[in-house]
Amino acid sequence: MCFGTLDDANQFYQNYAKRVGFVIKIRFTRRVGKDKVPKNQMITCNREGKRKSRVSPIEKTNSRTNYNFPARISIRLNKEGLWVISKVCLDHSHPCDPEMAKLLTPNREMNMYMCRVIERNDEAGVRPSKTSQVLVDEMGDFSKISLMEKDVRNYFSRKRFKTIFWAEARSRAAYEYFGDVVSFDTTYKTNRYNMLFGSFVGLNHHGNLVLLGCGLMTKKNFGSFTWLFNAWLRCMHGKAPKSQCLGMRAGIENVMPGHVIGYAFDTL
C-alpha cells in the first residue's frame, strides 16, 4: 500500500486504530541529509513498551498503563517518492473496544452545536457537569456522544488568554531615543486575575522612567517568557531585558543569546 505523503500514511493508521479501539503514537522517524528529510517511520500503539512501576504489586490498586502493545506499522520512502508500508503487526496484547474508542483522548470531537450549547449554558451560569448531561440527554444515549465532562471544562481553559503583550506608539518612539538600557520587572502581581505583570522600562534624559511595553502572563515559566520577549522584540527590535529569575533567564537566552543579564543591587 502506497501513500503520497507521510501525513496520509499517518492518517490511514489513525483511522484504523480508531475503528479497532486504540490510540497511536510515532515511535521514531529516521531523517537523513542536511535537510533532515524523513526516510522511514514507525507508528505504534501509545501503550507500546514496558513501564517499571515503583509501587509493589501488593499495594498497587490500578492497572498498568503500558502493556508492551505489539501492534505497529513501519513505513518508508521508496525511489518513486511514495510512502510504502514495509512492516505490519496487528497483534494486540489486551482487548480493544471499538465502541469506546471515540472516548479516547485523541478521538474525542466537539462539533459547532456542542460548542454553542456549552457557551450558552456558561452564560446562563450552568455548571459543566449539567451541560455535559444536557448533551447526553439530547443525543439519547451516552454511547452516541464523543464527549466527556472534562472536555466541557477544558473548552473554556483552551479559550482563555495565557499571555498578553501591549505597547503603544509613544513607547516605540521613546525606545528609539532611550533604548540603550532596558529593565524588565515582574515584581508586581496586583490584578484581580492573579496574573504576572511584567514591564519593559527605560530611562529618559531627565532621569524619569519610560514605559516601553508590558505584558500579562498566567505562568512564570520558560514558554511564557519566550513568547513575551519575542513579542517585545518584534515590536521594538532590540535590547535584552534584565532579571535574575532562572525561568526568565532561560527564555531570554533562547530568544536573545547575545545579551548580558544584569542584577539590581538591592537583590544581591
Protein backbone atom coordinates (compact mmCIF):
# COMPACT_ATOMS: atom_id res chain seq x y z
CA MET A 1 0.00 0.00 0.00
CA CYS A 2 1.39 3.41 -1.02
CA PHE A 3 0.68 6.98 0.10
CA GLY A 4 1.55 10.30 -1.45
CA THR A 5 2.66 11.93 1.80
CA LEU A 6 3.74 10.93 5.29
CA ASP A 7 0.66 12.63 6.73
CA ASP A 8 -1.60 10.47 4.57
CA ALA A 9 0.06 7.32 5.92
CA ASN A 10 -0.33 8.57 9.49
CA GLN A 11 -4.00 9.39 8.92
CA PHE A 12 -4.63 5.94 7.45
CA TYR A 13 -3.27 4.18 10.55
CA GLN A 14 -5.07 6.66 12.81
CA ASN A 15 -8.39 5.78 11.16
CA TYR A 16 -7.64 2.07 11.53
CA ALA A 17 -6.76 2.47 15.22
CA LYS A 18 -9.99 4.37 15.84
CA ARG A 19 -12.05 1.56 14.31
CA VAL A 20 -10.21 -1.13 16.30
CA GLY A 21 -10.11 0.77 19.59
CA PHE A 22 -6.63 2.04 20.44
CA VAL A 23 -4.51 5.19 20.12
CA ILE A 24 -1.32 5.51 18.09
CA LYS A 25 1.97 7.33 18.63
CA ILE A 26 5.02 7.92 16.44
CA ARG A 27 7.78 5.72 17.87
CA PHE A 28 10.58 7.20 15.81
CA THR A 29 11.31 8.93 12.50
CA ARG A 30 14.65 8.49 10.73
CA ARG A 31 15.87 11.57 8.88
CA VAL A 32 18.89 11.88 6.59
CA GLY A 33 20.95 14.63 5.00
CA LYS A 34 21.49 18.25 5.94
CA ASP A 35 17.82 19.00 5.31
CA LYS A 36 16.75 16.19 7.69
CA VAL A 37 14.44 14.62 5.13
CA PRO A 38 12.33 11.79 6.67
CA LYS A 39 13.04 8.39 5.15
CA ASN A 40 11.18 5.92 7.37
CA GLN A 41 8.92 5.93 10.38
CA MET A 42 7.47 3.51 12.90
CA ILE A 43 3.98 4.07 14.33
CA THR A 44 2.88 2.04 17.35
CA CYS A 45 0.16 1.91 19.98
CA ASN A 46 0.54 4.55 22.69
CA ARG A 47 0.85 1.70 25.21
CA GLU A 48 3.91 0.31 23.49
CA GLY A 49 6.82 -0.53 25.79
CA LYS A 50 7.00 -1.57 29.42
CA ARG A 51 6.98 0.75 32.39
CA LYS A 52 8.53 -0.41 35.65
CA SER A 53 6.19 0.57 38.47
CA ARG A 54 7.56 1.99 41.72
CA VAL A 55 4.58 0.58 43.58
CA SER A 56 4.75 -3.02 44.79
CA PRO A 57 2.22 -5.46 43.28
CA ILE A 58 0.61 -5.87 46.72
CA GLU A 59 -0.05 -2.14 47.16
CA LYS A 60 -0.95 -1.45 43.55
CA THR A 61 -4.66 -0.75 43.01
CA ASN A 62 -4.79 0.49 39.42
CA SER A 63 -3.94 -1.43 36.28
CA ARG A 64 -0.80 -0.89 34.25
CA THR A 65 -0.85 1.77 31.58
CA ASN A 66 1.83 0.19 29.36
CA TYR A 67 1.29 -3.37 28.13
CA ASN A 68 4.09 -3.71 25.55
CA PHE A 69 1.41 -3.45 22.87
CA PRO A 70 2.94 -5.05 19.73
CA ALA A 71 0.57 -3.51 17.13
CA ARG A 72 2.57 -1.28 14.79
CA ILE A 73 3.42 -0.39 11.21
CA SER A 74 6.67 0.67 9.57
CA ILE A 75 6.60 2.96 6.55
CA ARG A 76 9.45 4.01 4.26
CA LEU A 77 10.02 6.35 1.34
CA ASN A 78 10.68 4.47 -1.91
CA LYS A 79 12.58 5.59 -5.02
CA GLU A 80 9.41 6.93 -6.63
CA GLY A 81 8.84 9.32 -3.72
CA LEU A 82 5.88 7.37 -2.32
CA TRP A 83 5.45 6.16 1.25
CA VAL A 84 5.12 2.37 1.43
CA ILE A 85 4.04 0.21 4.38
CA SER A 86 7.00 -2.16 4.77
CA LYS A 87 6.09 -3.99 8.01
CA VAL A 88 2.78 -4.64 9.76
CA CYS A 89 1.88 -6.22 13.11
CA LEU A 90 -1.81 -6.49 14.00
CA ASP A 91 -1.43 -8.43 17.27
CA HIS A 92 -2.97 -6.95 20.42
CA SER A 93 -1.82 -7.75 23.97
CA HIS A 94 -5.09 -6.65 25.59
CA PRO A 95 -8.73 -6.34 24.48
CA CYS A 96 -9.75 -3.31 22.43
CA ASP A 97 -13.25 -1.85 22.49
CA PRO A 98 -14.24 -0.15 19.21
CA GLU A 99 -17.41 1.22 20.83
CA MET A 100 -15.37 3.11 23.44
CA ALA A 101 -12.62 4.18 21.04
CA LYS A 102 -14.33 7.52 20.38
CA LEU A 103 -13.90 8.43 24.07
CA LEU A 104 -10.12 8.06 23.92
CA THR A 105 -8.49 11.50 24.14
CA PRO A 106 -7.27 11.88 20.51
CA ASN A 107 -10.63 10.69 19.15
CA ARG A 108 -12.95 12.93 21.13
CA GLU A 109 -14.59 15.56 18.95
CA MET A 110 -16.75 18.60 19.59
CA ASN A 111 -18.93 19.97 16.79
CA MET A 112 -20.21 23.53 16.43
CA TYR A 113 -23.57 22.71 18.00
CA MET A 114 -21.89 21.34 21.14
CA CYS A 115 -19.70 24.44 21.37
CA ARG A 116 -22.74 26.69 21.13
CA VAL A 117 -24.60 24.75 23.84
CA ILE A 118 -21.56 24.94 26.15
CA GLU A 119 -21.17 28.70 25.62
CA ARG A 120 -24.89 29.39 26.04
CA ASN A 121 -25.12 27.36 29.25
CA ASP A 122 -22.00 29.02 30.65
CA GLU A 123 -23.54 32.45 30.06
CA ALA A 124 -26.61 31.25 31.95
CA GLY A 125 -24.49 30.00 34.87
CA VAL A 126 -24.99 26.28 34.21
CA ARG A 127 -22.24 24.06 35.63
CA PRO A 128 -20.12 21.94 33.24
CA SER A 129 -21.46 18.71 34.76
CA LYS A 130 -25.03 19.78 33.97
CA THR A 131 -24.07 20.88 30.47
CA SER A 132 -22.48 17.50 29.79
CA GLN A 133 -25.65 15.75 30.94
CA VAL A 134 -27.79 18.01 28.73
CA LEU A 135 -25.79 17.00 25.66
CA VAL A 136 -26.10 13.31 26.56
CA ASP A 137 -29.87 13.66 27.03
CA GLU A 138 -30.25 15.38 23.67
CA MET A 139 -28.39 12.56 21.92
CA GLY A 140 -30.47 9.98 23.75
CA ASP A 141 -27.55 7.81 24.85
CA PHE A 142 -24.05 8.32 26.24
CA SER A 143 -22.63 5.96 23.62
CA LYS A 144 -23.74 8.33 20.84
CA ILE A 145 -21.65 11.26 22.03
CA SER A 146 -17.85 11.53 21.90
CA LEU A 147 -17.65 13.99 24.77
CA MET A 148 -16.90 13.86 28.50
CA GLU A 149 -17.45 16.31 31.33
CA LYS A 150 -13.78 17.31 31.44
CA ASP A 151 -13.98 18.25 27.76
CA VAL A 152 -16.59 20.85 28.70
CA ARG A 153 -14.25 22.24 31.37
CA ASN A 154 -11.25 22.16 29.03
CA TYR A 155 -13.22 24.04 26.38
CA PHE A 156 -13.02 27.22 28.43
CA SER A 157 -9.44 26.73 29.61
CA ARG A 158 -8.28 26.46 25.99
CA LYS A 159 -10.05 29.71 25.09
CA ARG A 160 -8.54 31.75 27.93
CA PHE A 161 -5.77 34.26 27.38
CA LYS A 162 -2.45 32.92 28.63
CA THR A 163 -0.04 35.68 27.65
CA ILE A 164 -0.74 39.26 26.56
CA PHE A 165 1.67 41.93 25.31
CA TRP A 166 0.92 45.65 24.94
CA ALA A 167 2.87 48.66 23.66
CA GLU A 168 1.77 51.94 22.10
CA ALA A 169 3.26 54.32 19.55
CA ARG A 170 4.78 56.53 22.25
CA SER A 171 6.57 53.51 23.70
CA ARG A 172 8.11 52.70 20.33
CA ALA A 173 9.16 56.32 19.82
CA ALA A 174 10.70 56.51 23.30
CA TYR A 175 12.59 53.29 22.67
CA GLU A 176 14.30 54.87 19.66
CA TYR A 177 15.85 57.50 21.95
CA PHE A 178 16.07 55.81 25.35
CA GLY A 179 16.56 52.14 24.47
CA ASP A 180 20.23 51.89 25.44
CA VAL A 181 19.32 50.37 28.81
CA VAL A 182 16.12 48.37 29.28
CA SER A 183 14.91 46.85 32.53
CA PHE A 184 12.28 44.11 32.75
CA ASP A 185 10.50 43.75 36.10
CA THR A 186 7.94 41.17 37.26
CA THR A 187 7.73 42.24 40.90
CA TYR A 188 4.09 43.27 40.77
CA LYS A 189 1.05 41.00 40.76
CA THR A 190 -1.88 43.16 41.85
CA ASN A 191 -4.50 42.42 39.17
CA ARG A 192 -7.74 40.63 40.08
CA TYR A 193 -6.92 37.58 37.94
CA ASN A 194 -3.64 36.91 39.79
CA MET A 195 -1.67 37.15 36.54
CA LEU A 196 2.01 38.02 36.50
CA PHE A 197 2.63 41.58 35.26
CA GLY A 198 5.91 42.39 33.54
CA SER A 199 7.02 45.85 32.44
CA PHE A 200 9.74 46.92 30.00
CA VAL A 201 11.12 50.22 31.33
CA GLY A 202 13.76 52.63 30.06
CA LEU A 203 15.27 55.86 31.43
CA ASN A 204 14.94 59.19 29.59
CA HIS A 205 17.33 62.19 29.57
CA HIS A 206 15.55 63.70 32.59
CA GLY A 207 16.15 60.59 34.67
CA ASN A 208 12.48 59.62 34.54
CA LEU A 209 11.21 56.12 33.86
CA VAL A 210 9.66 55.50 30.44
CA LEU A 211 7.32 52.57 29.78
CA LEU A 212 8.47 50.64 26.71
CA GLY A 213 5.85 47.90 26.83
CA CYS A 214 4.24 45.48 29.26
CA GLY A 215 2.69 42.04 29.42
CA LEU A 216 0.50 39.72 31.45
CA MET A 217 1.31 36.03 31.98
CA THR A 218 -0.61 33.25 33.69
CA LYS A 219 2.56 31.24 34.38
CA LYS A 220 6.13 32.20 35.23
CA ASN A 221 7.84 29.62 33.02
CA PHE A 222 10.14 29.30 30.03
CA GLY A 223 7.38 29.25 27.42
CA SER A 224 5.62 32.37 28.73
CA PHE A 225 8.79 34.45 28.91
CA THR A 226 9.93 33.25 25.48
CA TRP A 227 6.63 34.31 23.91
CA LEU A 228 6.66 37.69 25.66
CA PHE A 229 10.25 38.51 24.71
CA ASN A 230 9.60 37.51 21.10
CA ALA A 231 6.57 39.81 21.03
CA TRP A 232 8.62 42.65 22.51
CA LEU A 233 11.45 42.13 20.02
CA ARG A 234 9.04 42.17 17.08
CA CYS A 235 7.69 45.46 18.37
CA MET A 236 10.95 47.15 19.42
CA HIS A 237 13.68 45.29 17.51
CA GLY A 238 16.22 45.27 20.18
CA LYS A 239 17.77 45.15 23.57
CA ALA A 240 17.58 42.48 26.23
CA PRO A 241 15.65 42.95 29.48
CA LYS A 242 17.29 42.14 32.81
CA SER A 243 16.32 39.69 35.55
CA GLN A 244 17.77 37.18 37.98
CA CYS A 245 14.81 34.75 37.58
CA LEU A 246 16.06 31.40 36.24
CA GLY A 247 12.93 30.78 34.16
CA MET A 248 13.16 34.28 32.73
CA ARG A 249 16.90 33.88 32.08
CA ALA A 250 16.30 30.69 30.07
CA GLY A 251 13.64 32.43 27.99
CA ILE A 252 15.92 35.42 27.33
CA GLU A 253 18.86 33.22 26.34
CA ASN A 254 16.63 31.32 23.91
CA VAL A 255 15.36 34.47 22.19
CA MET A 256 18.38 36.79 22.60
CA PRO A 257 21.52 34.65 23.05
CA GLY A 258 23.96 37.57 22.79
CA HIS A 259 22.70 39.66 25.73
CA VAL A 260 24.20 40.34 29.17
CA ILE A 261 21.97 39.83 32.23
CA GLY A 262 22.26 42.45 34.98
CA TYR A 263 21.18 42.33 38.62
CA ALA A 264 19.72 45.00 40.87
CA PHE A 265 21.97 45.82 43.85
CA ASP A 266 19.07 45.60 46.30
CA THR A 267 18.58 41.91 45.43
CA LEU A 268 22.21 40.82 45.88
